[in-house]
Amino acid sequence: IGLWAASVWQAMGAPASIRLVELGPGRGTLMQDMLRAARALP
């Protein structure tokens, strides 16, 4: 899901500022894993 978000950001033209929003984040596990994967796209 983190890589998916990164790909969408790239398709948007890589804006300099963007919000990553999660609804009902549970224990924070999904966001934690998403942020780790997000580093794959400079």
Full PDB file with SEQRES, HELIX, SHEET, SSBOND, CRYST1, ORIGX, SCALE, CONECT and MASTER records, all heavy atoms in Angstrom:
SEQRES   1 A   42  ILE GLY LEU TRP ALA ALA SER VAL TRP GLN ALA MET GLY          
SEQRES   2 A   42  ALA PRO ALA SER ILE ARG LEU VAL GLU LEU GLY PRO GLY          
SEQRES   3 A   42  ARG GLY THR LEU MET GLN ASP MET LEU ARG ALA ALA ARG          
SEQRES   4 A   42  ALA LEU PRO                                                  
HELIX    1 AA1 GLY A    2  ALA A   11  1                                  10    
HELIX    2 AA2 THR A   29  ALA A   38  1                                  10    
CRYST1    1.000    1.000    1.000  90.00  90.00  90.00 P 1           1          
ORIGX1      1.000000  0.000000  0.000000        0.00000                         
ORIGX2      0.000000  1.000000  0.000000        0.00000                         
ORIGX3      0.000000  0.000000  1.000000        0.00000                         
SCALE1      1.000000  0.000000  0.000000        0.00000                         
SCALE2      0.000000  1.000000  0.000000        0.00000                         
SCALE3      0.000000  0.000000  1.000000        0.00000                         
ATOM      1  N   ILE A   1       0.842  -1.201   0.000  1.00  0.00           N  
ATOM      2  CA  ILE A   1       0.000   0.000   0.000  1.00  0.00           C  
ATOM      3  C   ILE A   1       0.877   1.250   0.000  1.00  0.00           C  
ATOM      4  O   ILE A   1       0.556   2.255  -0.652  1.00  0.00           O  
ATOM      5  CB  ILE A   1      -0.948   0.004   1.214  1.00  0.00           C  
ATOM      6  CG1 ILE A   1      -1.837  -1.254   1.220  1.00  0.00           C  
ATOM      7  CG2 ILE A   1      -1.824   1.258   1.183  1.00  0.00           C  
ATOM      8  CD1 ILE A   1      -2.645  -1.464  -0.031  1.00  0.00           C  
ATOM      9  N   GLY A   2       2.012   1.219   0.709  1.00  0.00           N  
ATOM     10  CA  GLY A   2       2.936   2.339   0.694  1.00  0.00           C  
ATOM     11  C   GLY A   2       3.521   2.579  -0.690  1.00  0.00           C  
ATOM     12  O   GLY A   2       3.642   3.730  -1.139  1.00  0.00           O  
ATOM     13  N   LEU A   3       3.865   1.510  -1.384  1.00  0.00           N  
ATOM     14  CA  LEU A   3       4.377   1.639  -2.747  1.00  0.00           C  
ATOM     15  C   LEU A   3       3.280   2.134  -3.691  1.00  0.00           C  
ATOM     16  O   LEU A   3       3.558   2.892  -4.627  1.00  0.00           O  
ATOM     17  CB  LEU A   3       4.931   0.297  -3.218  1.00  0.00           C  
ATOM     18  CG  LEU A   3       6.191  -0.180  -2.481  1.00  0.00           C  
ATOM     19  CD1 LEU A   3       6.561  -1.594  -2.917  1.00  0.00           C  
ATOM     20  CD2 LEU A   3       7.354   0.773  -2.716  1.00  0.00           C  
ATOM     21  N   TRP A   4       2.040   1.698  -3.436  1.00  0.00           N  
ATOM     22  CA  TRP A   4       0.907   2.193  -4.231  1.00  0.00           C  
ATOM     23  C   TRP A   4       0.786   3.709  -4.069  1.00  0.00           C  
ATOM     24  O   TRP A   4       0.635   4.445  -5.051  1.00  0.00           O  
ATOM     25  CB  TRP A   4      -0.375   1.502  -3.784  1.00  0.00           C  
ATOM     26  CG  TRP A   4      -1.608   1.947  -4.514  1.00  0.00           C  
ATOM     27  CD1 TRP A   4      -2.103   1.412  -5.664  1.00  0.00           C  
ATOM     28  CD2 TRP A   4      -2.495   3.019  -4.150  1.00  0.00           C  
ATOM     29  NE1 TRP A   4      -3.243   2.088  -6.043  1.00  0.00           N  
ATOM     30  CE2 TRP A   4      -3.501   3.077  -5.138  1.00  0.00           C  
ATOM     31  CE3 TRP A   4      -2.531   3.923  -3.101  1.00  0.00           C  
ATOM     32  CZ2 TRP A   4      -4.538   4.013  -5.093  1.00  0.00           C  
ATOM     33  CZ3 TRP A   4      -3.553   4.862  -3.058  1.00  0.00           C  
ATOM     34  CH2 TRP A   4      -4.545   4.903  -4.044  1.00  0.00           C  
ATOM     35  N   ALA A   5       0.859   4.175  -2.827  1.00  0.00           N  
ATOM     36  CA  ALA A   5       0.749   5.615  -2.568  1.00  0.00           C  
ATOM     37  C   ALA A   5       1.883   6.372  -3.253  1.00  0.00           C  
ATOM     38  O   ALA A   5       1.673   7.459  -3.817  1.00  0.00           O  
ATOM     39  CB  ALA A   5       0.756   5.875  -1.060  1.00  0.00           C  
ATOM     40  N   ALA A   6       3.085   5.815  -3.207  1.00  0.00           N  
ATOM     41  CA  ALA A   6       4.219   6.463  -3.858  1.00  0.00           C  
ATOM     42  C   ALA A   6       4.010   6.550  -5.366  1.00  0.00           C  
ATOM     43  O   ALA A   6       4.337   7.566  -5.998  1.00  0.00           O  
ATOM     44  CB  ALA A   6       5.505   5.702  -3.540  1.00  0.00           C  
ATOM     45  N   SER A   7       3.451   5.502  -5.954  1.00  0.00           N  
ATOM     46  CA  SER A   7       3.192   5.499  -7.395  1.00  0.00           C  
ATOM     47  C   SER A   7       2.135   6.532  -7.769  1.00  0.00           C  
ATOM     48  O   SER A   7       2.233   7.198  -8.809  1.00  0.00           O  
ATOM     49  CB  SER A   7       2.752   4.108  -7.847  1.00  0.00           C  
ATOM     50  OG  SER A   7       3.781   3.155  -7.641  1.00  0.00           O  
ATOM     51  N   VAL A   8       1.109   6.675  -6.920  1.00  0.00           N  
ATOM     52  CA  VAL A   8       0.076   7.685  -7.171  1.00  0.00           C  
ATOM     53  C   VAL A   8       0.687   9.082  -7.098  1.00  0.00           C  
ATOM     54  O   VAL A   8       0.403   9.949  -7.932  1.00  0.00           O  
ATOM     55  CB  VAL A   8      -1.084   7.530  -6.171  1.00  0.00           C  
ATOM     56  CG1 VAL A   8      -2.066   8.687  -6.301  1.00  0.00           C  
ATOM     57  CG2 VAL A   8      -1.806   6.200  -6.380  1.00  0.00           C  
ATOM     58  N   TRP A   9       1.534   9.309  -6.097  1.00  0.00           N  
ATOM     59  CA  TRP A   9       2.214  10.611  -5.970  1.00  0.00           C  
ATOM     60  C   TRP A   9       3.022  10.921  -7.226  1.00  0.00           C  
ATOM     61  O   TRP A   9       2.993  12.040  -7.737  1.00  0.00           O  
ATOM     62  CB  TRP A   9       3.114  10.574  -4.743  1.00  0.00           C  
ATOM     63  CG  TRP A   9       4.026  11.754  -4.582  1.00  0.00           C  
ATOM     64  CD1 TRP A   9       3.684  13.007  -4.166  1.00  0.00           C  
ATOM     65  CD2 TRP A   9       5.435  11.783  -4.820  1.00  0.00           C  
ATOM     66  NE1 TRP A   9       4.795  13.813  -4.122  1.00  0.00           N  
ATOM     67  CE2 TRP A   9       5.882  13.088  -4.525  1.00  0.00           C  
ATOM     68  CE3 TRP A   9       6.365  10.834  -5.245  1.00  0.00           C  
ATOM     69  CZ2 TRP A   9       7.221  13.472  -4.646  1.00  0.00           C  
ATOM     70  CZ3 TRP A   9       7.694  11.203  -5.361  1.00  0.00           C  
ATOM     71  CH2 TRP A   9       8.109  12.512  -5.078  1.00  0.00           C  
ATOM     72  N   GLN A  10       3.711   9.922  -7.729  1.00  0.00           N  
ATOM     73  CA  GLN A  10       4.502  10.108  -8.945  1.00  0.00           C  
ATOM     74  C   GLN A  10       3.605  10.429 -10.136  1.00  0.00           C  
ATOM     75  O   GLN A  10       3.913  11.320 -10.941  1.00  0.00           O  
ATOM     76  CB  GLN A  10       5.316   8.847  -9.216  1.00  0.00           C  
ATOM     77  CG  GLN A  10       6.415   9.006 -10.247  1.00  0.00           C  
ATOM     78  CD  GLN A  10       7.300   7.773 -10.294  1.00  0.00           C  
ATOM     79  OE1 GLN A  10       6.808   6.647 -10.340  1.00  0.00           O  
ATOM     80  NE2 GLN A  10       8.611   7.985 -10.282  1.00  0.00           N  
ATOM     81  N   ALA A  11       2.456   9.729 -10.238  1.00  0.00           N  
ATOM     82  CA  ALA A  11       1.516   9.977 -11.338  1.00  0.00           C  
ATOM     83  C   ALA A  11       0.911  11.374 -11.243  1.00  0.00           C  
ATOM     84  O   ALA A  11       0.497  11.950 -12.260  1.00  0.00           O  
ATOM     85  CB  ALA A  11       0.412   8.928 -11.327  1.00  0.00           C  
ATOM     86  N   MET A  12       0.863  11.942 -10.029  1.00  0.00           N  
ATOM     87  CA  MET A  12       0.339  13.286  -9.825  1.00  0.00           C  
ATOM     88  C   MET A  12       1.340  14.362 -10.259  1.00  0.00           C  
ATOM     89  O   MET A  12       1.022  15.552 -10.212  1.00  0.00           O  
ATOM     90  CB  MET A  12      -0.021  13.490  -8.354  1.00  0.00           C  
ATOM     91  CG  MET A  12      -1.163  12.636  -7.854  1.00  0.00           C  
ATOM     92  SD  MET A  12      -1.322  12.692  -6.039  1.00  0.00           S  
ATOM     93  CE  MET A  12      -1.726  14.429  -5.781  1.00  0.00           C  
ATOM     94  N   GLY A  13       2.534  13.941 -10.626  1.00  0.00           N  
ATOM     95  CA  GLY A  13       3.565  14.919 -10.973  1.00  0.00           C  
ATOM     96  C   GLY A  13       4.513  15.200  -9.831  1.00  0.00           C  
ATOM     97  O   GLY A  13       5.242  16.186  -9.856  1.00  0.00           O  
ATOM     98  N   ALA A  14       4.503  14.327  -8.804  1.00  0.00           N  
ATOM     99  CA  ALA A  14       5.393  14.443  -7.649  1.00  0.00           C  
ATOM    100  C   ALA A  14       5.335  15.824  -6.995  1.00  0.00           C  
ATOM    101  O   ALA A  14       6.335  16.546  -6.920  1.00  0.00           O  
ATOM    102  CB  ALA A  14       6.832  14.105  -8.051  1.00  0.00           C  
ATOM    103  N   PRO A  15       4.137  16.231  -6.496  1.00  0.00           N  
ATOM    104  CA  PRO A  15       4.043  17.537  -5.826  1.00  0.00           C  
ATOM    105  C   PRO A  15       4.977  17.614  -4.621  1.00  0.00           C  
ATOM    106  O   PRO A  15       5.246  16.615  -3.956  1.00  0.00           O  
ATOM    107  CB  PRO A  15       2.574  17.614  -5.398  1.00  0.00           C  
ATOM    108  CG  PRO A  15       2.100  16.198  -5.377  1.00  0.00           C  
ATOM    109  CD  PRO A  15       2.856  15.500  -6.450  1.00  0.00           C  
ATOM    110  N   ALA A  16       5.477  18.825  -4.345  1.00  0.00           N  
ATOM    111  CA  ALA A  16       6.457  19.012  -3.274  1.00  0.00           C  
ATOM    112  C   ALA A  16       5.855  18.786  -1.895  1.00  0.00           C  
ATOM    113  O   ALA A  16       6.571  18.515  -0.929  1.00  0.00           O  
ATOM    114  CB  ALA A  16       7.049  20.416  -3.360  1.00  0.00           C  
ATOM    115  N   SER A  17       4.534  18.908  -1.795  1.00  0.00           N  
ATOM    116  CA  SER A  17       3.867  18.720  -0.508  1.00  0.00           C  
ATOM    117  C   SER A  17       2.566  17.952  -0.726  1.00  0.00           C  
ATOM    118  O   SER A  17       1.770  18.311  -1.595  1.00  0.00           O  
ATOM    119  CB  SER A  17       3.575  20.073   0.141  1.00  0.00           C  
ATOM    120  OG  SER A  17       2.859  19.909   1.356  1.00  0.00           O  
ATOM    121  N   ILE A  18       2.363  16.897   0.055  1.00  0.00           N  
ATOM    122  CA  ILE A  18       1.141  16.101  -0.066  1.00  0.00           C  
ATOM    123  C   ILE A  18       0.813  15.472   1.282  1.00  0.00           C  
ATOM    124  O   ILE A  18       1.717  15.121   2.058  1.00  0.00           O  
ATOM    125  CB  ILE A  18       1.298  14.998  -1.148  1.00  0.00           C  
ATOM    126  CG1 ILE A  18      -0.051  14.300  -1.389  1.00  0.00           C  
ATOM    127  CG2 ILE A  18       2.388  13.996  -0.776  1.00  0.00           C  
ATOM    128  CD1 ILE A  18      -0.054  13.414  -2.611  1.00  0.00           C  
ATOM    129  N   ARG A  19      -0.454  15.357   1.573  1.00  0.00           N  
ATOM    130  CA  ARG A  19      -0.888  14.712   2.813  1.00  0.00           C  
ATOM    131  C   ARG A  19      -1.140  13.228   2.579  1.00  0.00           C  
ATOM    132  O   ARG A  19      -1.808  12.852   1.614  1.00  0.00           O  
ATOM    133  CB  ARG A  19      -2.162  15.365   3.342  1.00  0.00           C  
ATOM    134  CG  ARG A  19      -1.960  16.768   3.877  1.00  0.00           C  
ATOM    135  CD  ARG A  19      -3.165  17.270   4.649  1.00  0.00           C  
ATOM    136  NE  ARG A  19      -2.884  18.557   5.295  1.00  0.00           N  
ATOM    137  CZ  ARG A  19      -3.570  19.071   6.296  1.00  0.00           C  
ATOM    138  NH1 ARG A  19      -4.631  18.408   6.770  1.00  0.00           N  
ATOM    139  NH2 ARG A  19      -3.248  20.229   6.821  1.00  0.00           N  
ATOM    140  N   LEU A  20      -0.611  12.414   3.477  1.00  0.00           N  
ATOM    141  CA  LEU A  20      -0.929  10.991   3.508  1.00  0.00           C  
ATOM    142  C   LEU A  20      -1.851  10.796   4.700  1.00  0.00           C  
ATOM    143  O   LEU A  20      -1.444  10.954   5.849  1.00  0.00           O  
ATOM    144  CB  LEU A  20       0.333  10.147   3.643  1.00  0.00           C  
ATOM    145  CG  LEU A  20       0.138   8.627   3.669  1.00  0.00           C  
ATOM    146  CD1 LEU A  20      -0.527   8.138   2.387  1.00  0.00           C  
ATOM    147  CD2 LEU A  20       1.461   7.906   3.891  1.00  0.00           C  
ATOM    148  N   VAL A  21      -3.109  10.478   4.417  1.00  0.00           N  
ATOM    149  CA  VAL A  21      -4.152  10.415   5.438  1.00  0.00           C  
ATOM    150  C   VAL A  21      -4.622   8.974   5.603  1.00  0.00           C  
ATOM    151  O   VAL A  21      -4.871   8.281   4.616  1.00  0.00           O  
ATOM    152  CB  VAL A  21      -5.357  11.300   5.044  1.00  0.00           C  
ATOM    153  CG1 VAL A  21      -6.439  11.251   6.115  1.00  0.00           C  
ATOM    154  CG2 VAL A  21      -4.920  12.730   4.776  1.00  0.00           C  
ATOM    155  N   GLU A  22      -4.741   8.531   6.840  1.00  0.00           N  
ATOM    156  CA  GLU A  22      -5.338   7.217   7.085  1.00  0.00           C  
ATOM    157  C   GLU A  22      -6.569   7.375   7.966  1.00  0.00           C  
ATOM    158  O   GLU A  22      -6.536   8.076   8.986  1.00  0.00           O  
ATOM    159  CB  GLU A  22      -4.354   6.242   7.742  1.00  0.00           C  
ATOM    160  CG  GLU A  22      -4.944   4.841   7.858  1.00  0.00           C  
ATOM    161  CD  GLU A  22      -4.026   3.798   8.450  1.00  0.00           C  
ATOM    162  OE1 GLU A  22      -2.868   4.143   8.782  1.00  0.00           O  
ATOM    163  OE2 GLU A  22      -4.466   2.645   8.619  1.00  0.00           O  
ATOM    164  N   LEU A  23      -7.643   6.713   7.577  1.00  0.00           N  
ATOM    165  CA  LEU A  23      -8.882   6.712   8.347  1.00  0.00           C  
ATOM    166  C   LEU A  23      -8.933   5.456   9.200  1.00  0.00           C  
ATOM    167  O   LEU A  23      -8.825   4.344   8.691  1.00  0.00           O  
ATOM    168  CB  LEU A  23     -10.091   6.746   7.402  1.00  0.00           C  
ATOM    169  CG  LEU A  23     -10.085   7.787   6.283  1.00  0.00           C  
ATOM    170  CD1 LEU A  23     -11.398   7.731   5.509  1.00  0.00           C  
ATOM    171  CD2 LEU A  23      -9.828   9.183   6.830  1.00  0.00           C  
ATOM    172  N   GLY A  24      -9.125   5.620  10.499  1.00  0.00           N  
ATOM    173  CA  GLY A  24      -9.174   4.467  11.387  1.00  0.00           C  
ATOM    174  C   GLY A  24      -7.887   3.678  11.364  1.00  0.00           C  
ATOM    175  O   GLY A  24      -7.886   2.539  10.905  1.00  0.00           O  
ATOM    176  N   PRO A  25      -6.776   4.247  11.878  1.00  0.00           N  
ATOM    177  CA  PRO A  25      -5.455   3.632  11.698  1.00  0.00           C  
ATOM    178  C   PRO A  25      -5.133   2.457  12.611  1.00  0.00           C  
ATOM    179  O   PRO A  25      -3.998   1.975  12.597  1.00  0.00           O  
ATOM    180  CB  PRO A  25      -4.492   4.795  11.994  1.00  0.00           C  
ATOM    181  CG  PRO A  25      -5.327   6.025  12.079  1.00  0.00           C  
ATOM    182  CD  PRO A  25      -6.685   5.569  12.485  1.00  0.00           C  
ATOM    183  N   GLY A  26      -6.094   1.982  13.403  1.00  0.00           N  
ATOM    184  CA  GLY A  26      -5.844   0.807  14.235  1.00  0.00           C  
ATOM    185  C   GLY A  26      -4.710   1.027  15.207  1.00  0.00           C  
ATOM    186  O   GLY A  26      -4.673   1.994  15.958  1.00  0.00           O  
ATOM    187  N   ARG A  27      -3.726   0.136  15.170  1.00  0.00           N  
ATOM    188  CA  ARG A  27      -2.555   0.256  16.047  1.00  0.00           C  
ATOM    189  C   ARG A  27      -1.429   1.068  15.411  1.00  0.00           C  
ATOM    190  O   ARG A  27      -0.359   1.195  16.004  1.00  0.00           O  
ATOM    191  CB  ARG A  27      -2.026  -1.141  16.382  1.00  0.00           C  
ATOM    192  CG  ARG A  27      -2.912  -1.952  17.306  1.00  0.00           C  
ATOM    193  CD  ARG A  27      -2.342  -3.343  17.466  1.00  0.00           C  
ATOM    194  NE  ARG A  27      -2.920  -4.058  18.585  1.00  0.00           N  
ATOM    195  CZ  ARG A  27      -2.647  -5.330  18.875  1.00  0.00           C  
ATOM    196  NH1 ARG A  27      -1.801  -6.012  18.111  1.00  0.00           N  
ATOM    197  NH2 ARG A  27      -3.200  -5.919  19.905  1.00  0.00           N  
ATOM    198  N   GLY A  28      -1.649   1.549  14.202  1.00  0.00           N  
ATOM    199  CA  GLY A  28      -0.602   2.274  13.502  1.00  0.00           C  
ATOM    200  C   GLY A  28       0.292   1.392  12.662  1.00  0.00           C  
ATOM    201  O   GLY A  28       1.248   1.867  12.043  1.00  0.00           O  
ATOM    202  N   THR A  29      -0.021   0.096  12.603  1.00  0.00           N  
ATOM    203  CA  THR A  29       0.827  -0.857  11.886  1.00  0.00           C  
ATOM    204  C   THR A  29       0.863  -0.578  10.390  1.00  0.00           C  
ATOM    205  O   THR A  29       1.928  -0.611   9.759  1.00  0.00           O  
ATOM    206  CB  THR A  29       0.331  -2.292  12.130  1.00  0.00           C  
ATOM    207  OG1 THR A  29       0.251  -2.530  13.534  1.00  0.00           O  
ATOM    208  CG2 THR A  29       1.270  -3.308  11.497  1.00  0.00           C  
ATOM    209  N   LEU A  30      -0.311  -0.303   9.796  1.00  0.00           N  
ATOM    210  CA  LEU A  30      -0.362  -0.044   8.363  1.00  0.00           C  
ATOM    211  C   LEU A  30       0.456   1.195   8.013  1.00  0.00           C  
ATOM    212  O   LEU A  30       1.266   1.172   7.075  1.00  0.00           O  
ATOM    213  CB  LEU A  30      -1.813   0.125   7.913  1.00  0.00           C  
ATOM    214  CG  LEU A  30      -2.029   0.525   6.454  1.00  0.00           C  
ATOM    215  CD1 LEU A  30      -1.359  -0.450   5.501  1.00  0.00           C  
ATOM    216  CD2 LEU A  30      -3.526   0.624   6.146  1.00  0.00           C  
ATOM    217  N   MET A  31       0.276   2.285   8.747  1.00  0.00           N  
ATOM    218  CA  MET A  31       1.029   3.506   8.456  1.00  0.00           C  
ATOM    219  C   MET A  31       2.522   3.285   8.663  1.00  0.00           C  
ATOM    220  O   MET A  31       3.352   3.789   7.890  1.00  0.00           O  
ATOM    221  CB  MET A  31       0.531   4.651   9.330  1.00  0.00           C  
ATOM    222  CG  MET A  31       1.219   5.986   9.065  1.00  0.00           C  
ATOM    223  SD  MET A  31       1.078   6.570   7.351  1.00  0.00           S  
ATOM    224  CE  MET A  31      -0.658   7.060   7.296  1.00  0.00           C  
ATOM    225  N   GLN A  32       2.884   2.543   9.677  1.00  0.00           N  
ATOM    226  CA  GLN A  32       4.287   2.236   9.938  1.00  0.00           C  
ATOM    227  C   GLN A  32       4.920   1.531   8.732  1.00  0.00           C  
ATOM    228  O   GLN A  32       6.015   1.905   8.280  1.00  0.00           O  
ATOM    229  CB  GLN A  32       4.381   1.351  11.190  1.00  0.00           C  
ATOM    230  CG  GLN A  32       5.778   1.061  11.682  1.00  0.00           C  
ATOM    231  CD  GLN A  32       5.733   0.182  12.928  1.00  0.00           C  
ATOM    232  OE1 GLN A  32       4.964  -0.773  13.018  1.00  0.00           O  
ATOM    233  NE2 GLN A  32       6.553   0.513  13.908  1.00  0.00           N  
ATOM    234  N   ASP A  33       4.240   0.525   8.203  1.00  0.00           N  
ATOM    235  CA  ASP A  33       4.751  -0.219   7.051  1.00  0.00           C  
ATOM    236  C   ASP A  33       4.728   0.630   5.785  1.00  0.00           C  
ATOM    237  O   ASP A  33       5.633   0.537   4.942  1.00  0.00           O  
ATOM    238  CB  ASP A  33       3.932  -1.494   6.850  1.00  0.00           C  
ATOM    239  CG  ASP A  33       4.128  -2.503   7.973  1.00  0.00           C  
ATOM    240  OD1 ASP A  33       5.155  -2.421   8.672  1.00  0.00           O  
ATOM    241  OD2 ASP A  33       3.249  -3.370   8.152  1.00  0.00           O  
ATOM    242  N   MET A  34       3.689   1.463   5.629  1.00  0.00           N  
ATOM    243  CA  MET A  34       3.615   2.346   4.464  1.00  0.00           C  
ATOM    244  C   MET A  34       4.794   3.320   4.432  1.00  0.00           C  
ATOM    245  O   MET A  34       5.411   3.546   3.387  1.00  0.00           O  
ATOM    246  CB  MET A  34       2.298   3.122   4.473  1.00  0.00           C  
ATOM    247  CG  MET A  34       1.069   2.295   4.165  1.00  0.00           C  
ATOM    248  SD  MET A  34      -0.450   3.264   4.355  1.00  0.00           S  
ATOM    249  CE  MET A  34      -0.224   4.508   3.095  1.00  0.00           C  
ATOM    250  N   LEU A  35       5.111   3.898   5.581  1.00  0.00           N  
ATOM    251  CA  LEU A  35       6.194   4.876   5.637  1.00  0.00           C  
ATOM    252  C   LEU A  35       7.543   4.234   5.359  1.00  0.00           C  
ATOM    253  O   LEU A  35       8.420   4.849   4.735  1.00  0.00           O  
ATOM    254  CB  LEU A  35       6.197   5.568   7.002  1.00  0.00           C  
ATOM    255  CG  LEU A  35       5.016   6.496   7.279  1.00  0.00           C  
ATOM    256  CD1 LEU A  35       5.059   7.008   8.715  1.00  0.00           C  
ATOM    257  CD2 LEU A  35       5.000   7.660   6.298  1.00  0.00           C  
ATOM    258  N   ARG A  36       7.723   3.009   5.816  1.00  0.00           N  
ATOM    259  CA  ARG A  36       8.976   2.310   5.525  1.00  0.00           C  
ATOM    260  C   ARG A  36       9.128   2.092   4.024  1.00  0.00           C  
ATOM    261  O   ARG A  36      10.194   2.322   3.449  1.00  0.00           O  
ATOM    262  CB  ARG A  36       9.015   0.976   6.265  1.00  0.00           C  
ATOM    263  CG  ARG A  36      10.337   0.232   6.104  1.00  0.00           C  
ATOM    264  CD  ARG A  36      10.432  -0.969   7.022  1.00  0.00           C  
ATOM    265  NE  ARG A  36       9.394  -1.944   6.753  1.00  0.00           N  
ATOM    266  CZ  ARG A  36       8.356  -2.174   7.568  1.00  0.00           C  
ATOM    267  NH1 ARG A  36       8.216  -1.484   8.677  1.00  0.00           N  
ATOM    268  NH2 ARG A  36       7.452  -3.083   7.260  1.00  0.00           N  
ATOM    269  N   ALA A  37       8.043   1.666   3.382  1.00  0.00           N  
ATOM    270  CA  ALA A  37       8.094   1.425   1.937  1.00  0.00           C  
ATOM    271  C   ALA A  37       8.197   2.722   1.145  1.00  0.00           C  
ATOM    272  O   ALA A  37       8.732   2.733   0.035  1.00  0.00           O  
ATOM    273  CB  ALA A  37       6.849   0.644   1.503  1.00  0.00           C  
ATOM    274  N   ALA A  38       7.684   3.819   1.711  1.00  0.00           N  
ATOM    275  CA  ALA A  38       7.677   5.101   1.000  1.00  0.00           C  
ATOM    276  C   ALA A  38       9.077   5.587   0.655  1.00  0.00           C  
ATOM    277  O   ALA A  38       9.263   6.362  -0.291  1.00  0.00           O  
ATOM    278  CB  ALA A  38       6.960   6.155   1.839  1.00  0.00           C  
ATOM    279  N   ARG A  39      10.058   5.130   1.403  1.00  0.00           N  
ATOM    280  CA  ARG A  39      11.424   5.575   1.161  1.00  0.00           C  
ATOM    281  C   ARG A  39      11.985   5.007  -0.141  1.00  0.00           C  
ATOM    282  O   ARG A  39      13.042   5.461  -0.608  1.00  0.00           O  
ATOM    283  CB  ARG A  39      12.319   5.168   2.332  1.00  0.00           C  
ATOM    284  CG  ARG A  39      11.884   5.795   3.652  1.00  0.00           C  
ATOM    285  CD  ARG A  39      12.862   5.490   4.781  1.00  0.00           C  
ATOM    286  NE  ARG A  39      12.377   6.015   6.053  1.00  0.00           N  
ATOM    287  CZ  ARG A  39      12.495   7.272   6.441  1.00  0.00           C  
ATOM    288  NH1 ARG A  39      13.081   8.149   5.651  1.00  0.00           N  
ATOM    289  NH2 ARG A  39      12.036   7.664   7.628  1.00  0.00           N  
ATOM    290  N   ALA A  40      11.310   4.038  -0.733  1.00  0.00           N  
ATOM    291  CA  ALA A  40      11.812   3.422  -1.966  1.00  0.00           C  
ATOM    292  C   ALA A  40      11.763   4.375  -3.150  1.00  0.00           C  
ATOM    293  O   ALA A  40      12.513   4.200  -4.118  1.00  0.00           O  
ATOM    294  CB  ALA A  40      11.013   2.156  -2.283  1.00  0.00           C  
ATOM    295  N   LEU A  41      10.882   5.374  -3.101  1.00  0.00           N  
ATOM    296  CA  LEU A  41      10.767   6.330  -4.206  1.00  0.00           C  
ATOM    297  C   LEU A  41      11.362   7.666  -3.759  1.00  0.00           C  
ATOM    298  O   LEU A  41      10.804   8.328  -2.879  1.00  0.00           O  
ATOM    299  CB  LEU A  41       9.309   6.510  -4.615  1.00  0.00           C  
ATOM    300  CG  LEU A  41       9.071   7.313  -5.896  1.00  0.00           C  
ATOM    301  CD1 LEU A  41       9.718   6.632  -7.095  1.00  0.00           C  
ATOM    302  CD2 LEU A  41       7.574   7.480  -6.150  1.00  0.00           C  
ATOM    303  N   PRO A  42      12.495   8.061  -4.325  1.00  0.00           N  
ATOM    304  CA  PRO A  42      13.160   9.293  -3.885  1.00  0.00           C  
ATOM    305  C   PRO A  42      12.221  10.499  -3.919  1.00  0.00           C  
ATOM    306  O   PRO A  42      11.500  10.715  -4.881  1.00  0.00           O  
ATOM    307  CB  PRO A  42      14.295   9.451  -4.911  1.00  0.00           C  
ATOM    308  CG  PRO A  42      14.574   8.055  -5.379  1.00  0.00           C  
ATOM    309  CD  PRO A  42      13.234   7.374  -5.395  1.00  0.00           C  
TER     310      PRO A  42                                                      
MASTER        0    0    0    2    0    0    0    6  309    1    0    4          
END                                                                             
